[in-house]
PDB file of N, CA and C in Angstrom:
ATOM      1  N   MET A   1     -53.307 199.504 -14.150  1.00  0.00           N
ATOM      2  CA  MET A   1     -54.410 199.130 -13.312  1.00  0.00           C
ATOM      3  C   MET A   1     -55.670 198.902 -14.134  1.00  0.00           C
ATOM      4  N   ILE A   2     -55.837 199.709 -15.167  1.00  0.00           N
ATOM      5  CA  ILE A   2     -57.054 199.588 -15.974  1.00  0.00           C
ATOM      6  C   ILE A   2     -57.130 198.207 -16.614  1.00  0.00           C
ATOM      7  N   CYS A   3     -55.993 197.689 -17.074  1.00  0.00           N
ATOM      8  CA  CYS A   3     -55.981 196.351 -17.677  1.00  0.00           C
ATOM      9  C   CYS A   3     -56.399 195.281 -16.671  1.00  0.00           C
ATOM     10  N   THR A   4     -56.038 195.481 -15.420  1.00  0.00           N
ATOM     11  CA  THR A   4     -56.331 194.491 -14.390  1.00  0.00           C
ATOM     12  C   THR A   4     -57.719 194.666 -13.801  1.00  0.00           C
ATOM     13  N   TYR A   5     -58.072 195.908 -13.433  1.00  0.00           N
ATOM     14  CA  TYR A   5     -59.316 196.165 -12.705  1.00  0.00           C
ATOM     15  C   TYR A   5     -60.446 196.725 -13.564  1.00  0.00           C
ATOM     16  N   GLY A   6     -60.146 197.178 -14.786  1.00  0.00           N
ATOM     17  CA  GLY A   6     -61.154 197.856 -15.587  1.00  0.00           C
ATOM     18  C   GLY A   6     -61.260 199.305 -15.146  1.00  0.00           C
ATOM     19  N   LEU A   7     -62.038 200.101 -15.869  1.00  0.00           N
ATOM     20  CA  LEU A   7     -62.138 201.528 -15.593  1.00  0.00           C
ATOM     21  C   LEU A   7     -62.797 201.805 -14.231  1.00  0.00           C
ATOM     22  N   VAL A   8     -63.935 201.175 -13.975  1.00  0.00           N
ATOM     23  CA  VAL A   8     -64.650 201.404 -12.712  1.00  0.00           C
ATOM     24  C   VAL A   8     -63.837 200.856 -11.536  1.00  0.00           C
ATOM     25  N   GLY A   9     -63.272 199.681 -11.689  1.00  0.00           N
ATOM     26  CA  GLY A   9     -62.458 199.091 -10.624  1.00  0.00           C
ATOM     27  C   GLY A   9     -61.226 199.931 -10.321  1.00  0.00           C
ATOM     28  N   THR A  10     -60.616 200.513 -11.343  1.00  0.00           N
ATOM     29  CA  THR A  10     -59.453 201.383 -11.140  1.00  0.00           C
ATOM     30  C   THR A  10     -59.852 202.624 -10.353  1.00  0.00           C
ATOM     31  N   ALA A  11     -60.973 203.225 -10.704  1.00  0.00           N
ATOM     32  CA  ALA A  11     -61.448 204.397  -9.968  1.00  0.00           C
ATOM     33  C   ALA A  11     -61.692 204.054  -8.502  1.00  0.00           C
ATOM     34  N   LYS A  12     -62.307 202.905  -8.238  1.00  0.00           N
ATOM     35  CA  LYS A  12     -62.542 202.479  -6.854  1.00  0.00           C
ATOM     36  C   LYS A  12     -61.227 202.206  -6.127  1.00  0.00           C
ATOM     37  N   ALA A  13     -60.299 201.552  -6.804  1.00  0.00           N
ATOM     38  CA  ALA A  13     -59.013 201.240  -6.184  1.00  0.00           C
ATOM     39  C   ALA A  13     -58.249 202.515  -5.836  1.00  0.00           C
ATOM     40  N   LEU A  14     -58.238 203.483  -6.738  1.00  0.00           N
ATOM     41  CA  LEU A  14     -57.552 204.747  -6.474  1.00  0.00           C
ATOM     42  C   LEU A  14     -58.211 205.504  -5.322  1.00  0.00           C
ATOM     43  N   ARG A  15     -59.520 205.489  -5.264  1.00  0.00           N
ATOM     44  CA  ARG A  15     -60.231 206.135  -4.163  1.00  0.00           C
ATOM     45  C   ARG A  15     -59.877 205.463  -2.844  1.00  0.00           C
ATOM     46  N   ASN A  16     -59.860 204.145  -2.837  1.00  0.00           N
ATOM     47  CA  ASN A  16     -59.529 203.407  -1.615  1.00  0.00           C
ATOM     48  C   ASN A  16     -58.076 203.628  -1.196  1.00  0.00           C
ATOM     49  N   MET A  17     -57.161 203.699  -2.173  1.00  0.00           N
ATOM     50  CA  MET A  17     -55.762 203.974  -1.854  1.00  0.00           C
ATOM     51  C   MET A  17     -55.628 205.336  -1.181  1.00  0.00           C
ATOM     52  N   ASN A  18     -56.358 206.310  -1.697  1.00  0.00           N
ATOM     53  CA  ASN A  18     -56.319 207.654  -1.130  1.00  0.00           C
ATOM     54  C   ASN A  18     -56.835 207.643   0.315  1.00  0.00           C
ATOM     55  N   LEU A  19     -57.934 206.951   0.563  1.00  0.00           N
ATOM     56  CA  LEU A  19     -58.487 206.863   1.920  1.00  0.00           C
ATOM     57  C   LEU A  19     -57.500 206.196   2.879  1.00  0.00           C
ATOM     58  N   ILE A  20     -56.918 205.100   2.445  1.00  0.00           N
ATOM     59  CA  ILE A  20     -55.977 204.358   3.288  1.00  0.00           C
ATOM     60  C   ILE A  20     -54.730 205.192   3.566  1.00  0.00           C
ATOM     61  N   GLN A  21     -54.215 205.846   2.544  1.00  0.00           N
ATOM     62  CA  GLN A  21     -53.010 206.656   2.734  1.00  0.00           C
ATOM     63  C   GLN A  21     -53.255 207.804   3.708  1.00  0.00           C
ATOM     64  N   ARG A  22     -54.415 208.437   3.623  1.00  0.00           N
ATOM     65  CA  ARG A  22     -54.711 209.540   4.548  1.00  0.00           C
ATOM     66  C   ARG A  22     -54.724 209.063   5.993  1.00  0.00           C
ATOM     67  N   GLN A  23     -55.146 207.831   6.220  1.00  0.00           N
ATOM     68  CA  GLN A  23     -55.207 207.307   7.580  1.00  0.00           C
ATOM     69  C   GLN A  23     -53.881 206.732   8.047  1.00  0.00           C
ATOM     70  N   LEU A  24     -53.123 206.111   7.154  1.00  0.00           N
ATOM     71  CA  LEU A  24     -51.909 205.413   7.564  1.00  0.00           C
ATOM     72  C   LEU A  24     -50.630 206.241   7.498  1.00  0.00           C
ATOM     73  N   LEU A  25     -50.536 207.168   6.567  1.00  0.00           N
ATOM     74  CA  LEU A  25     -49.283 207.901   6.391  1.00  0.00           C
ATOM     75  C   LEU A  25     -48.801 208.616   7.652  1.00  0.00           C
ATOM     76  N   PRO A  26     -49.679 209.261   8.431  1.00  0.00           N
ATOM     77  CA  PRO A  26     -49.175 209.895   9.655  1.00  0.00           C
ATOM     78  C   PRO A  26     -48.495 208.902  10.604  1.00  0.00           C
ATOM     79  N   GLU A  27     -48.998 207.679  10.697  1.00  0.00           N
ATOM     80  CA  GLU A  27     -48.396 206.675  11.571  1.00  0.00           C
ATOM     81  C   GLU A  27     -47.110 206.100  10.986  1.00  0.00           C
ATOM     82  N   LEU A  28     -46.999 206.072   9.667  1.00  0.00           N
ATOM     83  CA  LEU A  28     -45.813 205.503   9.022  1.00  0.00           C
ATOM     84  C   LEU A  28     -44.562 206.333   9.258  1.00  0.00           C
ATOM     85  N   VAL A  29     -44.726 207.608   9.540  1.00  0.00           N
ATOM     86  CA  VAL A  29     -43.583 208.488   9.755  1.00  0.00           C
ATOM     87  C   VAL A  29     -42.695 207.962  10.882  1.00  0.00           C
ATOM     88  N   SER A  30     -43.301 207.419  11.925  1.00  0.00           N
ATOM     89  CA  SER A  30     -42.527 206.944  13.081  1.00  0.00           C
ATOM     90  C   SER A  30     -42.113 205.472  12.964  1.00  0.00           C
ATOM     91  N   LEU A  31     -42.556 204.777  11.930  1.00  0.00           N
ATOM     92  CA  LEU A  31     -42.256 203.355  11.781  1.00  0.00           C
ATOM     93  C   LEU A  31     -40.830 203.139  11.292  1.00  0.00           C
ATOM     94  N   ASN A  32     -40.069 202.316  12.008  1.00  0.00           N
ATOM     95  CA  ASN A  32     -38.705 201.980  11.603  1.00  0.00           C
ATOM     96  C   ASN A  32     -38.589 200.455  11.539  1.00  0.00           C
ATOM     97  N   LEU A  33     -38.653 199.923  10.349  1.00  0.00           N
ATOM     98  CA  LEU A  33     -38.613 198.472  10.175  1.00  0.00           C
ATOM     99  C   LEU A  33     -37.243 197.877  10.474  1.00  0.00           C
ATOM    100  N   PHE A  34     -36.226 198.729  10.541  1.00  0.00           N
ATOM    101  CA  PHE A  34     -34.873 198.234  10.760  1.00  0.00           C
ATOM    102  C   PHE A  34     -34.443 198.310  12.219  1.00  0.00           C
ATOM    103  N   ALA A  35     -35.261 198.878  13.083  1.00  0.00           N
ATOM    104  CA  ALA A  35     -34.889 199.055  14.493  1.00  0.00           C
ATOM    105  C   ALA A  35     -34.740 197.713  15.208  1.00  0.00           C
ATOM    106  N   ASP A  36     -35.631 196.789  14.959  1.00  0.00           N
ATOM    107  CA  ASP A  36     -35.601 195.485  15.632  1.00  0.00           C
ATOM    108  C   ASP A  36     -36.067 194.404  14.663  1.00  0.00           C
ATOM    109  N   PRO A  37     -35.241 194.080  13.666  1.00  0.00           N
ATOM    110  CA  PRO A  37     -35.683 193.106  12.661  1.00  0.00           C
ATOM    111  C   PRO A  37     -35.855 191.712  13.269  1.00  0.00           C
ATOM    112  N   PRO A  38     -36.866 190.992  12.811  1.00  0.00           N
ATOM    113  CA  PRO A  38     -37.096 189.644  13.346  1.00  0.00           C
ATOM    114  C   PRO A  38     -36.050 188.658  12.827  1.00  0.00           C
ATOM    115  N   ARG A  39     -35.834 187.603  13.581  1.00  0.00           N
ATOM    116  CA  ARG A  39     -34.997 186.491  13.122  1.00  0.00           C
ATOM    117  C   ARG A  39     -35.941 185.475  12.488  1.00  0.00           C
ATOM    118  N   LEU A  40     -35.680 185.152  11.243  1.00  0.00           N
ATOM    119  CA  LEU A  40     -36.564 184.261  10.505  1.00  0.00           C
ATOM    120  C   LEU A  40     -35.930 182.888  10.338  1.00  0.00           C
ATOM    121  N   ALA A  41     -36.768 181.876  10.326  1.00  0.00           N
ATOM    122  CA  ALA A  41     -36.280 180.506  10.180  1.00  0.00           C
ATOM    123  C   ALA A  41     -36.427 179.991   8.755  1.00  0.00           C
ATOM    124  N   VAL A  42     -36.934 180.817   7.874  1.00  0.00           N
ATOM    125  CA  VAL A  42     -37.164 180.417   6.484  1.00  0.00           C
ATOM    126  C   VAL A  42     -36.412 181.356   5.548  1.00  0.00           C
ATOM    127  N   PRO A  43     -36.102 180.915   4.352  1.00  0.00           N
ATOM    128  CA  PRO A  43     -35.457 181.807   3.385  1.00  0.00           C
ATOM    129  C   PRO A  43     -36.362 182.982   3.030  1.00  0.00           C
ATOM    130  N   VAL A  44     -35.756 184.127   2.752  1.00  0.00           N
ATOM    131  CA  VAL A  44     -36.499 185.341   2.404  1.00  0.00           C
ATOM    132  C   VAL A  44     -35.967 185.869   1.072  1.00  0.00           C
ATOM    133  N   HIS A  45     -36.881 186.159   0.165  1.00  0.00           N
ATOM    134  CA  HIS A  45     -36.496 186.678  -1.147  1.00  0.00           C
ATOM    135  C   HIS A  45     -37.329 187.920  -1.437  1.00  0.00           C
ATOM    136  N   TYR A  46     -36.697 189.086  -1.385  1.00  0.00           N
ATOM    137  CA  TYR A  46     -37.370 190.352  -1.679  1.00  0.00           C
ATOM    138  C   TYR A  46     -37.147 190.703  -3.137  1.00  0.00           C
ATOM    139  N   ILE A  47     -38.209 191.158  -3.791  1.00  0.00           N
ATOM    140  CA  ILE A  47     -38.123 191.579  -5.188  1.00  0.00           C
ATOM    141  C   ILE A  47     -38.785 192.951  -5.285  1.00  0.00           C
ATOM    142  N   PHE A  48     -38.018 193.938  -5.738  1.00  0.00           N
ATOM    143  CA  PHE A  48     -38.520 195.303  -5.859  1.00  0.00           C
ATOM    144  C   PHE A  48     -38.332 195.801  -7.283  1.00  0.00           C
ATOM    145  N   GLY A  49     -39.228 196.688  -7.696  1.00  0.00           N
ATOM    146  CA  GLY A  49     -39.083 197.362  -8.976  1.00  0.00           C
ATOM    147  C   GLY A  49     -38.134 198.538  -8.824  1.00  0.00           C
ATOM    148  N   GLU A  50     -37.247 198.704  -9.764  1.00  0.00           N
ATOM    149  CA  GLU A  50     -36.265 199.791  -9.734  1.00  0.00           C
ATOM    150  C   GLU A  50     -36.945 201.161  -9.727  1.00  0.00           C
ATOM    151  N   GLN A  51     -38.127 201.258 -10.326  1.00  0.00           N
ATOM    152  CA  GLN A  51     -38.839 202.531 -10.415  1.00  0.00           C
ATOM    153  C   GLN A  51     -39.995 202.613  -9.418  1.00  0.00           C
ATOM    154  N   ASP A  52     -39.931 201.851  -8.348  1.00  0.00           N
ATOM    155  CA  ASP A  52     -40.978 201.840  -7.335  1.00  0.00           C
ATOM    156  C   ASP A  52     -40.969 203.159  -6.556  1.00  0.00           C
ATOM    157  N   PRO A  53     -42.030 203.960  -6.679  1.00  0.00           N
ATOM    158  CA  PRO A  53     -42.045 205.241  -5.979  1.00  0.00           C
ATOM    159  C   PRO A  53     -42.315 205.095  -4.475  1.00  0.00           C
ATOM    160  N   LEU A  54     -42.798 203.945  -4.051  1.00  0.00           N
ATOM    161  CA  LEU A  54     -43.137 203.734  -2.643  1.00  0.00           C
ATOM    162  C   LEU A  54     -42.008 203.109  -1.840  1.00  0.00           C
ATOM    163  N   THR A  55     -41.087 202.443  -2.510  1.00  0.00           N
ATOM    164  CA  THR A  55     -39.964 201.801  -1.824  1.00  0.00           C
ATOM    165  C   THR A  55     -38.674 202.332  -2.439  1.00  0.00           C
ATOM    166  N   PRO A  56     -38.110 203.362  -1.841  1.00  0.00           N
ATOM    167  CA  PRO A  56     -36.900 203.958  -2.417  1.00  0.00           C
ATOM    168  C   PRO A  56     -35.705 203.004  -2.399  1.00  0.00           C
ATOM    169  N   ALA A  57     -34.813 203.201  -3.345  1.00  0.00           N
ATOM    170  CA  ALA A  57     -33.616 202.357  -3.457  1.00  0.00           C
ATOM    171  C   ALA A  57     -32.790 202.382  -2.172  1.00  0.00           C
ATOM    172  N   SER A  58     -32.821 203.485  -1.438  1.00  0.00           N
ATOM    173  CA  SER A  58     -32.055 203.566  -0.185  1.00  0.00           C
ATOM    174  C   SER A  58     -32.534 202.530   0.830  1.00  0.00           C
ATOM    175  N   ILE A  59     -33.831 202.268   0.849  1.00  0.00           N
ATOM    176  CA  ILE A  59     -34.365 201.247   1.765  1.00  0.00           C
ATOM    177  C   ILE A  59     -33.990 199.861   1.263  1.00  0.00           C
ATOM    178  N   VAL A  60     -34.108 199.653  -0.033  1.00  0.00           N
ATOM    179  CA  VAL A  60     -33.778 198.346  -0.616  1.00  0.00           C
ATOM    180  C   VAL A  60     -32.324 197.998  -0.313  1.00  0.00           C
ATOM    181  N   LYS A  61     -31.439 198.981  -0.368  1.00  0.00           N
ATOM    182  CA  LYS A  61     -30.014 198.735  -0.110  1.00  0.00           C
ATOM    183  C   LYS A  61     -29.744 198.379   1.350  1.00  0.00           C
ATOM    184  N   GLN A  62     -30.616 198.774   2.265  1.00  0.00           N
ATOM    185  CA  GLN A  62     -30.444 198.459   3.692  1.00  0.00           C
ATOM    186  C   GLN A  62     -30.892 197.038   4.036  1.00  0.00           C
ATOM    187  N   LEU A  63     -31.719 196.446   3.209  1.00  0.00           N
ATOM    188  CA  LEU A  63     -32.300 195.144   3.527  1.00  0.00           C
ATOM    189  C   LEU A  63     -31.296 194.018   3.754  1.00  0.00           C
ATOM    190  N   PRO A  64     -30.278 193.847   2.907  1.00  0.00           N
ATOM    191  CA  PRO A  64     -29.383 192.710   3.119  1.00  0.00           C
ATOM    192  C   PRO A  64     -28.759 192.671   4.520  1.00  0.00           C
ATOM    193  N   VAL A  65     -28.474 193.814   5.086  1.00  0.00           N
ATOM    194  CA  VAL A  65     -27.885 193.862   6.426  1.00  0.00           C
ATOM    195  C   VAL A  65     -28.935 193.565   7.489  1.00  0.00           C
ATOM    196  N   ALA A  66     -30.176 193.961   7.225  1.00  0.00           N
ATOM    197  CA  ALA A  66     -31.238 193.829   8.222  1.00  0.00           C
ATOM    198  C   ALA A  66     -31.857 192.432   8.270  1.00  0.00           C
ATOM    199  N   ILE A  67     -31.728 191.665   7.207  1.00  0.00           N
ATOM    200  CA  ILE A  67     -32.390 190.354   7.150  1.00  0.00           C
ATOM    201  C   ILE A  67     -31.582 189.315   7.930  1.00  0.00           C
ATOM    202  N   VAL A  68     -32.229 188.714   8.895  1.00  0.00           N
ATOM    203  CA  VAL A  68     -31.617 187.619   9.634  1.00  0.00           C
ATOM    204  C   VAL A  68     -32.420 186.368   9.273  1.00  0.00           C
ATOM    205  N   ALA A  69     -31.887 185.609   8.322  1.00  0.00           N
ATOM    206  CA  ALA A  69     -32.563 184.416   7.820  1.00  0.00           C
ATOM    207  C   ALA A  69     -31.505 183.440   7.331  1.00  0.00           C
ATOM    208  N   PRO A  70     -31.875 182.157   7.234  1.00  0.00           N
ATOM    209  CA  PRO A  70     -30.893 181.167   6.768  1.00  0.00           C
ATOM    210  C   PRO A  70     -30.354 181.488   5.377  1.00  0.00           C
ATOM    211  N   LYS A  71     -31.183 182.080   4.550  1.00  0.00           N
ATOM    212  CA  LYS A  71     -30.776 182.497   3.202  1.00  0.00           C
ATOM    213  C   LYS A  71     -31.664 183.678   2.838  1.00  0.00           C
ATOM    214  N   HIS A  72     -31.087 184.645   2.151  1.00  0.00           N
ATOM    215  CA  HIS A  72     -31.901 185.767   1.701  1.00  0.00           C
ATOM    216  C   HIS A  72     -31.318 186.376   0.438  1.00  0.00           C
ATOM    217  N   THR A  73     -32.222 186.924  -0.366  1.00  0.00           N
ATOM    218  CA  THR A  73     -31.815 187.659  -1.559  1.00  0.00           C
ATOM    219  C   THR A  73     -32.652 188.932  -1.637  1.00  0.00           C
ATOM    220  N   VAL A  74     -32.075 189.948  -2.231  1.00  0.00           N
ATOM    221  CA  VAL A  74     -32.784 191.185  -2.518  1.00  0.00           C
ATOM    222  C   VAL A  74     -32.508 191.492  -3.982  1.00  0.00           C
ATOM    223  N   THR A  75     -33.570 191.573  -4.776  1.00  0.00           N
ATOM    224  CA  THR A  75     -33.424 191.815  -6.209  1.00  0.00           C
ATOM    225  C   THR A  75     -34.142 193.101  -6.584  1.00  0.00           C
ATOM    226  N   LEU A  76     -33.462 193.951  -7.314  1.00  0.00           N
ATOM    227  CA  LEU A  76     -34.034 195.190  -7.834  1.00  0.00           C
ATOM    228  C   LEU A  76     -34.217 194.992  -9.338  1.00  0.00           C
ATOM    229  N   VAL A  77     -35.460 194.949  -9.792  1.00  0.00           N
ATOM    230  CA  VAL A  77     -35.770 194.639 -11.184  1.00  0.00           C
ATOM    231  C   VAL A  77     -35.847 195.930 -12.013  1.00  0.00           C
ATOM    232  N   PRO A  78     -35.018 196.031 -13.053  1.00  0.00           N
ATOM    233  CA  PRO A  78     -35.040 197.225 -13.910  1.00  0.00           C
ATOM    234  C   PRO A  78     -36.384 197.363 -14.640  1.00  0.00           C
ATOM    235  N   ASP A  79     -36.746 198.593 -14.933  1.00  0.00           N
ATOM    236  CA  ASP A  79     -37.961 198.900 -15.701  1.00  0.00           C
ATOM    237  C   ASP A  79     -39.231 198.339 -15.076  1.00  0.00           C
ATOM    238  N   ALA A  80     -39.288 198.303 -13.740  1.00  0.00           N
ATOM    239  CA  ALA A  80     -40.478 197.838 -13.042  1.00  0.00           C
ATOM    240  C   ALA A  80     -40.790 198.813 -11.919  1.00  0.00           C
ATOM    241  N   GLY A  81     -42.079 198.921 -11.604  1.00  0.00           N
ATOM    242  CA  GLY A  81     -42.511 199.824 -10.545  1.00  0.00           C
ATOM    243  C   GLY A  81     -42.893 199.068  -9.289  1.00  0.00           C
ATOM    244  N   HIS A  82     -43.844 199.637  -8.543  1.00  0.00           N
ATOM    245  CA  HIS A  82     -44.250 199.065  -7.263  1.00  0.00           C
ATOM    246  C   HIS A  82     -44.872 197.682  -7.433  1.00  0.00           C
ATOM    247  N   MET A  83     -45.577 197.473  -8.512  1.00  0.00           N
ATOM    248  CA  MET A  83     -46.221 196.174  -8.743  1.00  0.00           C
ATOM    249  C   MET A  83     -45.371 195.375  -9.724  1.00  0.00           C
ATOM    250  N   VAL A  84     -44.175 195.061  -9.268  1.00  0.00           N
ATOM    251  CA  VAL A  84     -43.192 194.396 -10.114  1.00  0.00           C
ATOM    252  C   VAL A  84     -43.733 193.082 -10.677  1.00  0.00           C
ATOM    253  N   HIS A  85     -44.600 192.404  -9.941  1.00  0.00           N
ATOM    254  CA  HIS A  85     -45.154 191.135 -10.418  1.00  0.00           C
ATOM    255  C   HIS A  85     -46.078 191.339 -11.617  1.00  0.00           C
ATOM    256  N   PHE A  86     -46.641 192.548 -11.792  1.00  0.00           N
ATOM    257  CA  PHE A  86     -47.419 192.854 -12.988  1.00  0.00           C
ATOM    258  C   PHE A  86     -46.519 193.388 -14.094  1.00  0.00           C
ATOM    259  N   ASP A  87     -45.548 194.220 -13.716  1.00  0.00           N
ATOM    260  CA  ASP A  87     -44.662 194.836 -14.707  1.00  0.00           C
ATOM    261  C   ASP A  87     -43.722 193.828 -15.361  1.00  0.00           C
ATOM    262  N   LYS A  88     -43.182 192.924 -14.559  1.00  0.00           N
ATOM    263  CA  LYS A  88     -42.209 191.944 -15.053  1.00  0.00           C
ATOM    264  C   LYS A  88     -42.517 190.551 -14.487  1.00  0.00           C
ATOM    265  N   PRO A  89     -43.668 189.980 -14.836  1.00  0.00           N
ATOM    266  CA  PRO A  89     -44.049 188.688 -14.251  1.00  0.00           C
ATOM    267  C   PRO A  89     -43.055 187.565 -14.541  1.00  0.00           C
ATOM    268  N   ASP A  90     -42.436 187.582 -15.715  1.00  0.00           N
ATOM    269  CA  ASP A  90     -41.482 186.520 -16.050  1.00  0.00           C
ATOM    270  C   ASP A  90     -40.250 186.570 -15.144  1.00  0.00           C
ATOM    271  N   VAL A  91     -39.797 187.784 -14.824  1.00  0.00           N
ATOM    272  CA  VAL A  91     -38.633 187.936 -13.954  1.00  0.00           C
ATOM    273  C   VAL A  91     -38.966 187.445 -12.551  1.00  0.00           C
ATOM    274  N   VAL A  92     -40.127 187.875 -12.034  1.00  0.00           N
ATOM    275  CA  VAL A  92     -40.539 187.458 -10.690  1.00  0.00           C
ATOM    276  C   VAL A  92     -40.715 185.935 -10.639  1.00  0.00           C
ATOM    277  N   ARG A  93     -41.329 185.381 -11.651  1.00  0.00           N
ATOM    278  CA  ARG A  93     -41.545 183.928 -11.712  1.00  0.00           C
ATOM    279  C   ARG A  93     -40.208 183.185 -11.730  1.00  0.00           C
ATOM    280  N   SER A  94     -39.243 183.680 -12.497  1.00  0.00           N
ATOM    281  CA  SER A  94     -37.951 182.984 -12.573  1.00  0.00           C
ATOM    282  C   SER A  94     -37.210 183.055 -11.235  1.00  0.00           C
ATOM    283  N   ILE A  95     -37.319 184.193 -10.540  1.00  0.00           N
ATOM    284  CA  ILE A  95     -36.685 184.313  -9.224  1.00  0.00           C
ATOM    285  C   ILE A  95     -37.353 183.350  -8.237  1.00  0.00           C
ATOM    286  N   ALA A  96     -38.678 183.308  -8.261  1.00  0.00           N
ATOM    287  CA  ALA A  96     -39.405 182.410  -7.359  1.00  0.00           C
ATOM    288  C   ALA A  96     -39.086 180.950  -7.646  1.00  0.00           C
ATOM    289  N   MET A  97     -39.005 180.600  -8.911  1.00  0.00           N
ATOM    290  CA  MET A  97     -38.701 179.203  -9.282  1.00  0.00           C
ATOM    291  C   MET A  97     -37.263 178.847  -8.890  1.00  0.00           C
ATOM    292  N   SER A  98     -36.321 179.778  -9.058  1.00  0.00           N
ATOM    293  CA  SER A  98     -34.934 179.525  -8.672  1.00  0.00           C
ATOM    294  C   SER A  98     -34.825 179.328  -7.166  1.00  0.00           C
ATOM    295  N   ALA A  99     -35.548 180.149  -6.412  1.00  0.00           N
ATOM    296  CA  ALA A  99     -35.532 180.034  -4.946  1.00  0.00           C
ATOM    297  C   ALA A  99     -36.140 178.712  -4.516  1.00  0.00           C
ATOM    298  N   ARG A 100     -37.163 178.298  -5.202  1.00  0.00           N
ATOM    299  CA  ARG A 100     -37.844 177.023  -4.885  1.00  0.00           C
ATOM    300  C   ARG A 100     -36.916 175.841  -5.138  1.00  0.00           C
ATOM    301  N   GLU A 101     -36.179 175.891  -6.251  1.00  0.00           N
ATOM    302  CA  GLU A 101     -35.276 174.791  -6.596  1.00  0.00           C
ATOM    303  C   GLU A 101     -34.119 174.684  -5.626  1.00  0.00           C
ATOM    304  N   VAL A 102     -33.593 175.833  -5.191  1.00  0.00           N
ATOM    305  CA  VAL A 102     -32.451 175.852  -4.278  1.00  0.00           C
ATOM    306  C   VAL A 102     -32.893 175.553  -2.866  1.00  0.00           C
ATOM    307  N   GLY A 103     -34.014 176.197  -2.434  1.00  0.00           N
ATOM    308  CA  GLY A 103     -34.472 176.101  -1.055  1.00  0.00           C
ATOM    309  C   GLY A 103     -35.224 174.866  -0.774  1.00  0.00           C
TER     310      GLY A 103
END
C-alpha cells in the first residue's frame, strides 16, 4: 500500500478500512451470496489471490456452481493476496486479454 498511496495515504486508507469494517462486518454475517445468484447475460471472469485473507478458498471453490452466465472462469492466482491486480498485474492482464479475445 505504501508504494501505491504513500505513507500518509496508507495511514488514511487503513483508518478508513477500519471504520468501514466496524460498520459493515455485523451485516455481512447474514449475507449469503449463493442463496439466489443472478442470471447474467455476459461472460464473468473471477480472479482471486491464493493468499487472499478476505476471500477464503472455500468460497472461491463454490463460485463455478453458483455462476449462471454464458461463459465463466474462476482463477486462483498463486502468490497473490486480496489485491491480486497489484500483486500479479501481468497474470491479471493476460487473463483479461484472453477473455477479451475469446469473448
